[in-house]
């Protein structure tokens, strides 16, 4: 499946909120964009949004597959 182009979404936060978000993103080892995106997806999944569940499911499948390949438990697709 080809990657969709990315767009920019802007929102305002206080300096304190910015530091909090950045701290949690760093703690998770992800970018601020990924942290915010994942947090929003989690909220949508918890609300039962089917499209968000599909997106998160695909992301989980891809990440799990990559981890299994790194561990040598499955072969890379040829």
N, C-alpha and C. Protein backbone atom coordinates (compact mmCIF):
# COMPACT_ATOMS: atom_id res chain seq x y z
N UNK A 1 0.85 -1.17 0.00
CA UNK A 1 0.00 0.00 0.00
C UNK A 1 0.90 1.24 0.00
N UNK A 2 0.68 2.16 -0.95
CA UNK A 2 1.52 3.37 -0.99
C UNK A 2 1.25 4.27 0.19
N UNK A 3 2.30 4.96 0.62
CA UNK A 3 2.15 5.89 1.74
C UNK A 3 1.37 7.11 1.31
N UNK A 4 0.49 7.56 2.18
CA UNK A 4 -0.27 8.78 1.91
C UNK A 4 0.62 9.99 2.20
N UNK A 5 0.42 11.09 1.47
CA UNK A 5 1.20 12.29 1.79
C UNK A 5 0.80 12.82 3.17
N UNK A 6 1.74 13.43 3.83
CA UNK A 6 1.48 13.99 5.15
C UNK A 6 1.06 15.44 5.01
N UNK A 7 0.20 15.89 5.93
CA UNK A 7 -0.21 17.29 5.99
C UNK A 7 0.11 17.81 7.38
N UNK A 8 0.15 19.10 7.53
CA UNK A 8 0.47 19.72 8.82
C UNK A 8 -0.82 20.11 9.52
N UNK A 9 -0.92 19.74 10.80
CA UNK A 9 -2.03 20.14 11.65
C UNK A 9 -1.43 20.98 12.77
N UNK A 10 -1.88 22.19 12.92
CA UNK A 10 -1.37 23.09 13.95
C UNK A 10 -2.38 23.21 15.08
N UNK A 11 -1.87 23.30 16.29
CA UNK A 11 -2.71 23.61 17.44
C UNK A 11 -1.86 24.31 18.48
N UNK A 12 -2.50 25.09 19.30
CA UNK A 12 -1.79 25.87 20.30
C UNK A 12 -1.80 25.17 21.65
N UNK A 13 -0.68 25.29 22.34
CA UNK A 13 -0.55 24.81 23.71
C UNK A 13 0.21 25.86 24.51
N UNK A 14 0.09 25.79 25.80
CA UNK A 14 0.87 26.69 26.64
C UNK A 14 2.31 26.19 26.69
N UNK A 15 3.25 27.04 27.08
CA UNK A 15 4.64 26.57 27.23
C UNK A 15 4.74 25.38 28.20
N UNK A 16 3.94 25.39 29.24
CA UNK A 16 3.95 24.28 30.20
C UNK A 16 3.46 22.99 29.55
N UNK A 17 2.39 23.10 28.75
CA UNK A 17 1.88 21.92 28.05
C UNK A 17 2.91 21.41 27.03
N UNK A 18 3.58 22.33 26.36
CA UNK A 18 4.61 21.95 25.39
C UNK A 18 5.70 21.12 26.06
N UNK A 19 6.18 21.60 27.20
CA UNK A 19 7.22 20.87 27.92
C UNK A 19 6.73 19.49 28.36
N UNK A 20 5.50 19.42 28.82
CA UNK A 20 4.92 18.15 29.24
C UNK A 20 4.84 17.17 28.07
N UNK A 21 4.34 17.64 26.93
CA UNK A 21 4.23 16.79 25.74
C UNK A 21 5.61 16.34 25.29
N UNK A 22 6.56 17.27 25.23
CA UNK A 22 7.92 16.92 24.81
C UNK A 22 8.56 15.91 25.75
N UNK A 23 8.34 16.09 27.05
CA UNK A 23 8.91 15.16 28.03
C UNK A 23 8.36 13.75 27.84
N UNK A 24 7.06 13.65 27.63
CA UNK A 24 6.44 12.33 27.46
C UNK A 24 6.86 11.70 26.13
N UNK A 25 6.98 12.51 25.08
CA UNK A 25 7.44 11.98 23.79
C UNK A 25 8.86 11.43 23.93
N UNK A 26 9.72 12.18 24.61
CA UNK A 26 11.10 11.73 24.81
C UNK A 26 11.13 10.43 25.63
N UNK A 27 10.31 10.39 26.67
CA UNK A 27 10.22 9.20 27.51
C UNK A 27 9.80 7.97 26.70
N UNK A 28 8.91 8.18 25.73
CA UNK A 28 8.45 7.09 24.87
C UNK A 28 9.42 6.80 23.72
N UNK A 29 10.38 7.70 23.52
CA UNK A 29 11.35 7.50 22.45
C UNK A 29 10.79 7.78 21.06
N UNK A 30 9.84 8.70 20.99
CA UNK A 30 9.22 9.05 19.70
C UNK A 30 9.25 10.56 19.51
N UNK A 31 8.95 10.99 18.30
CA UNK A 31 8.86 12.42 18.04
C UNK A 31 7.59 12.98 18.69
N UNK A 32 7.55 14.29 18.83
CA UNK A 32 6.35 14.94 19.36
C UNK A 32 5.17 14.63 18.44
N UNK A 33 5.39 14.69 17.13
CA UNK A 33 4.32 14.39 16.18
C UNK A 33 3.77 12.99 16.39
N UNK A 34 4.66 12.01 16.50
CA UNK A 34 4.21 10.63 16.71
C UNK A 34 3.50 10.48 18.05
N UNK A 35 4.03 11.14 19.08
CA UNK A 35 3.41 11.03 20.39
C UNK A 35 1.98 11.59 20.37
N UNK A 36 1.82 12.78 19.81
CA UNK A 36 0.49 13.39 19.76
C UNK A 36 -0.43 12.55 18.88
N UNK A 37 0.05 12.12 17.72
CA UNK A 37 -0.76 11.30 16.82
C UNK A 37 -1.22 10.02 17.51
N UNK A 38 -0.30 9.33 18.16
CA UNK A 38 -0.65 8.08 18.85
C UNK A 38 -1.64 8.31 19.98
N UNK A 39 -1.47 9.41 20.71
CA UNK A 39 -2.37 9.73 21.81
C UNK A 39 -3.77 10.01 21.29
N UNK A 40 -3.85 10.74 20.19
CA UNK A 40 -5.17 11.03 19.59
C UNK A 40 -5.80 9.74 19.09
N UNK A 41 -5.02 8.89 18.42
CA UNK A 41 -5.56 7.60 17.96
C UNK A 41 -6.09 6.78 19.12
N UNK A 42 -5.35 6.74 20.22
CA UNK A 42 -5.80 5.97 21.38
C UNK A 42 -7.15 6.47 21.87
N UNK A 43 -7.32 7.78 21.92
CA UNK A 43 -8.60 8.35 22.33
C UNK A 43 -9.71 7.92 21.38
N UNK A 44 -9.44 7.96 20.07
CA UNK A 44 -10.45 7.56 19.09
C UNK A 44 -10.77 6.07 19.19
N UNK A 45 -9.75 5.26 19.42
CA UNK A 45 -9.98 3.82 19.58
C UNK A 45 -10.85 3.56 20.81
N UNK A 46 -10.53 4.24 21.90
CA UNK A 46 -11.32 4.05 23.13
C UNK A 46 -12.77 4.50 22.94
N UNK A 47 -12.99 5.44 22.01
CA UNK A 47 -14.35 5.90 21.71
C UNK A 47 -15.06 4.95 20.73
N UNK A 48 -14.32 3.96 20.22
CA UNK A 48 -14.91 2.97 19.33
C UNK A 48 -14.91 3.35 17.87
N UNK A 49 -14.10 4.32 17.46
CA UNK A 49 -14.05 4.73 16.06
C UNK A 49 -13.42 3.62 15.22
N UNK A 50 -14.18 3.07 14.28
CA UNK A 50 -13.75 1.91 13.51
C UNK A 50 -12.54 2.23 12.64
N UNK A 51 -12.52 3.38 11.99
CA UNK A 51 -11.38 3.72 11.14
C UNK A 51 -10.11 3.86 11.96
N UNK A 52 -10.20 4.47 13.14
CA UNK A 52 -9.03 4.58 14.01
C UNK A 52 -8.55 3.20 14.46
N UNK A 53 -9.49 2.30 14.75
CA UNK A 53 -9.13 0.94 15.14
C UNK A 53 -8.38 0.25 14.00
N UNK A 54 -8.84 0.45 12.76
CA UNK A 54 -8.16 -0.14 11.60
C UNK A 54 -6.74 0.41 11.46
N UNK A 55 -6.61 1.73 11.58
CA UNK A 55 -5.29 2.36 11.45
C UNK A 55 -4.33 1.84 12.51
N UNK A 56 -4.78 1.83 13.76
CA UNK A 56 -3.93 1.36 14.85
C UNK A 56 -3.62 -0.12 14.67
N UNK A 57 -4.59 -0.91 14.23
CA UNK A 57 -4.36 -2.33 13.98
C UNK A 57 -3.28 -2.55 12.94
N UNK A 58 -3.32 -1.78 11.85
CA UNK A 58 -2.27 -1.90 10.82
C UNK A 58 -0.91 -1.51 11.38
N UNK A 59 -0.87 -0.43 12.16
CA UNK A 59 0.40 0.00 12.75
C UNK A 59 0.96 -1.07 13.69
N UNK A 60 0.10 -1.65 14.49
CA UNK A 60 0.54 -2.71 15.41
C UNK A 60 1.05 -3.92 14.64
N UNK A 61 0.34 -4.32 13.60
CA UNK A 61 0.75 -5.46 12.78
C UNK A 61 2.12 -5.20 12.17
N UNK A 62 2.32 -3.99 11.61
CA UNK A 62 3.59 -3.67 10.98
C UNK A 62 4.73 -3.64 11.99
N UNK A 63 4.48 -3.03 13.15
CA UNK A 63 5.54 -2.97 14.18
C UNK A 63 5.88 -4.35 14.72
N UNK A 64 4.86 -5.16 14.95
CA UNK A 64 5.11 -6.51 15.45
C UNK A 64 5.90 -7.31 14.43
N UNK A 65 5.53 -7.19 13.16
CA UNK A 65 6.26 -7.90 12.10
C UNK A 65 7.72 -7.49 12.06
N UNK A 66 7.97 -6.19 12.18
CA UNK A 66 9.35 -5.71 12.17
C UNK A 66 10.13 -6.24 13.38
N UNK A 67 9.51 -6.22 14.56
CA UNK A 67 10.18 -6.75 15.76
C UNK A 67 10.50 -8.23 15.59
N UNK A 68 9.57 -9.00 15.03
CA UNK A 68 9.80 -10.43 14.83
C UNK A 68 10.93 -10.67 13.83
N UNK A 69 11.01 -9.81 12.78
CA UNK A 69 12.10 -9.94 11.81
C UNK A 69 13.44 -9.62 12.47
N UNK A 70 13.47 -8.56 13.29
CA UNK A 70 14.71 -8.17 13.98
C UNK A 70 15.17 -9.30 14.90
N UNK A 71 14.23 -9.94 15.55
CA UNK A 71 14.57 -11.04 16.44
C UNK A 71 14.88 -12.34 15.70
N UNK A 72 14.69 -12.33 14.39
CA UNK A 72 14.96 -13.53 13.59
C UNK A 72 13.89 -14.59 13.70
N UNK A 73 12.72 -14.22 14.19
CA UNK A 73 11.65 -15.19 14.36
C UNK A 73 10.82 -15.39 13.10
N UNK A 74 10.92 -14.43 12.18
CA UNK A 74 10.31 -14.56 10.85
C UNK A 74 11.29 -14.00 9.83
N UNK A 75 11.17 -14.47 8.60
CA UNK A 75 12.05 -13.97 7.54
C UNK A 75 11.45 -12.73 6.92
N UNK A 76 12.34 -11.86 6.45
CA UNK A 76 11.89 -10.66 5.74
C UNK A 76 11.20 -11.08 4.46
N UNK A 77 10.16 -10.33 4.08
CA UNK A 77 9.45 -10.61 2.84
C UNK A 77 10.35 -10.31 1.66
N UNK A 78 10.30 -11.17 0.66
CA UNK A 78 11.16 -10.97 -0.52
C UNK A 78 10.39 -10.42 -1.66
